[in-house]
C-alpha atoms as a PDB file:
ATOM      1  CA  MET A   1      38.673 -24.552 -19.478  1.00  0.00           C
ATOM      2  CA  ASN A   2      39.547 -22.066 -16.749  1.00  0.00           C
ATOM      3  CA  ASP A   3      36.187 -22.598 -15.090  1.00  0.00           C
ATOM      4  CA  VAL A   4      36.563 -25.091 -12.289  1.00  0.00           C
ATOM      5  CA  ALA A   5      33.410 -26.516 -10.780  1.00  0.00           C
ATOM      6  CA  LYS A   6      33.582 -26.261  -7.017  1.00  0.00           C
ATOM      7  CA  PHE A   7      32.120 -29.211  -5.131  1.00  0.00           C
ATOM      8  CA  ILE A   8      30.208 -28.111  -2.041  1.00  0.00           C
ATOM      9  CA  PRO A   9      29.215 -30.898   0.362  1.00  0.00           C
ATOM     10  CA  LYS A  10      25.499 -30.993   1.169  1.00  0.00           C
ATOM     11  CA  GLU A  11      26.113 -30.080   4.819  1.00  0.00           C
ATOM     12  CA  ASP A  12      27.944 -26.891   3.726  1.00  0.00           C
ATOM     13  CA  ARG A  13      25.258 -25.611   1.324  1.00  0.00           C
ATOM     14  CA  CYS A  14      22.788 -22.822   1.927  1.00  0.00           C
ATOM     15  CA  GLN A  15      19.453 -24.378   2.867  1.00  0.00           C
ATOM     16  CA  PHE A  16      17.633 -21.866   0.636  1.00  0.00           C
ATOM     17  CA  CYS A  17      19.602 -21.471  -2.613  1.00  0.00           C
ATOM     18  CA  GLY A  18      22.252 -24.228  -2.526  1.00  0.00           C
ATOM     19  CA  LYS A  19      25.299 -21.937  -2.672  1.00  0.00           C
ATOM     20  CA  GLU A  20      28.145 -22.234  -0.180  1.00  0.00           C
ATOM     21  CA  ALA A  21      26.869 -21.386   3.312  1.00  0.00           C
ATOM     22  CA  THR A  22      29.192 -19.360   5.492  1.00  0.00           C
ATOM     23  CA  LEU A  23      26.677 -18.180   8.110  1.00  0.00           C
ATOM     24  CA  LEU A  24      24.194 -19.612  10.599  1.00  0.00           C
ATOM     25  CA  CYS A  25      20.834 -18.063  11.487  1.00  0.00           C
ATOM     26  CA  ASP A  26      20.973 -16.215  14.822  1.00  0.00           C
ATOM     27  CA  MET A  27      17.227 -16.208  15.591  1.00  0.00           C
ATOM     28  CA  PRO A  28      16.681 -17.400  19.194  1.00  0.00           C
ATOM     29  CA  SER A  29      14.509 -20.514  19.208  1.00  0.00           C
ATOM     30  CA  MET A  30      14.421 -21.595  22.860  1.00  0.00           C
ATOM     31  CA  THR A  31      16.107 -21.306  26.231  1.00  0.00           C
ATOM     32  CA  VAL A  32      17.538 -24.393  27.891  1.00  0.00           C
ATOM     33  CA  VAL A  33      18.431 -24.722  31.556  1.00  0.00           C
ATOM     34  CA  THR A  34      20.811 -27.563  32.307  1.00  0.00           C
ATOM     35  CA  SER A  35      20.240 -29.566  35.467  1.00  0.00           C
ATOM     36  CA  VAL A  36      23.958 -29.923  36.160  1.00  0.00           C
ATOM     37  CA  ASP A  37      24.887 -26.270  36.609  1.00  0.00           C
ATOM     38  CA  PHE A  38      21.482 -24.511  36.256  1.00  0.00           C
ATOM     39  CA  VAL A  39      22.846 -22.145  33.615  1.00  0.00           C
ATOM     40  CA  ARG A  40      20.462 -20.738  31.006  1.00  0.00           C
ATOM     41  CA  ARG A  41      21.572 -21.117  27.412  1.00  0.00           C
ATOM     42  CA  VAL A  42      19.807 -19.663  24.386  1.00  0.00           C
ATOM     43  CA  LEU A  43      19.584 -21.984  21.407  1.00  0.00           C
ATOM     44  CA  THR A  44      19.346 -20.421  17.957  1.00  0.00           C
ATOM     45  CA  CYS A  45      17.775 -21.518  14.664  1.00  0.00           C
ATOM     46  CA  ASP A  46      21.219 -22.334  13.157  1.00  0.00           C
ATOM     47  CA  LYS A  47      20.004 -22.939   9.590  1.00  0.00           C
ATOM     48  CA  ARG A  48      22.912 -22.685   7.156  1.00  0.00           C
ATOM     49  CA  ILE A  49      22.681 -19.563   4.951  1.00  0.00           C
ATOM     50  CA  CYS A  50      24.839 -17.808   2.375  1.00  0.00           C
ATOM     51  CA  PRO A  51      25.528 -14.036   2.434  1.00  0.00           C
ATOM     52  CA  GLU A  52      22.995 -13.482  -0.391  1.00  0.00           C
ATOM     53  CA  CYS A  53      20.107 -15.141   1.493  1.00  0.00           C
ATOM     54  CA  THR A  54      20.746 -13.563   4.890  1.00  0.00           C
ATOM     55  CA  THR A  55      19.018 -10.532   6.348  1.00  0.00           C
ATOM     56  CA  ARG A  56      21.565  -8.778   8.529  1.00  0.00           C
ATOM     57  CA  VAL A  57      20.367  -6.647  11.435  1.00  0.00           C
ATOM     58  CA  LYS A  58      23.281  -5.029  13.245  1.00  0.00           C
ATOM     59  CA  GLU A  59      25.601  -8.026  13.843  1.00  0.00           C
ATOM     60  CA  PHE A  60      22.874 -10.705  13.623  1.00  0.00           C
ATOM     61  CA  ASP A  61      22.047 -12.833  10.567  1.00  0.00           C
ATOM     62  CA  PHE A  62      18.527 -14.167   9.965  1.00  0.00           C
ATOM     63  CA  CYS A  63      17.390 -16.797   7.474  1.00  0.00           C
ATOM     64  CA  PRO A  64      14.390 -16.173   5.155  1.00  0.00           C
ATOM     65  CA  ASP A  65      12.143 -18.446   7.269  1.00  0.00           C
ATOM     66  CA  CYS A  66      12.843 -16.474  10.452  1.00  0.00           C
ATOM     67  CA  VAL A  67      12.426 -13.141   8.655  1.00  0.00           C
ATOM     68  CA  LYS A  68       9.002 -14.310   7.489  1.00  0.00           C
ATOM     69  CA  GLN A  69       8.167 -15.374  11.056  1.00  0.00           C
ATOM     70  CA  ILE A  70       9.227 -11.948  12.379  1.00  0.00           C
ATOM     71  CA  ARG A  71       7.113 -10.117   9.775  1.00  0.00           C
ATOM     72  CA  LEU A  72       4.019 -12.224  10.588  1.00  0.00           C
ATOM     73  CA  SER A  73       4.347 -11.849  14.370  1.00  0.00           C
ATOM     74  CA  LYS A  74       2.391  -9.267  16.317  1.00  0.00           C
ATOM     75  CA  LYS A  75       4.220  -6.049  17.135  1.00  0.00           C
ATOM     76  CA  GLY A  76       5.744  -6.002  20.600  1.00  0.00           C
ATOM     77  CA  VAL A  77       5.955  -9.808  20.847  1.00  0.00           C
END
């Protein structure tokens, strides 16, 4: 009886395998310019992912969906 089931809230689970998510996807999705201060901000994918499901490139983490999108895109785009 040493095994304790850990309850992970739905909002803290990996969106791909269901384990505890500790990372967010860093793939840029769009750039937003606010009308108040005219500063550009880059928004990222931000899907919740666990260390096992991430693809790490240098210091960036990418989810499986974004990795698939990168592989299907034309080179140089």
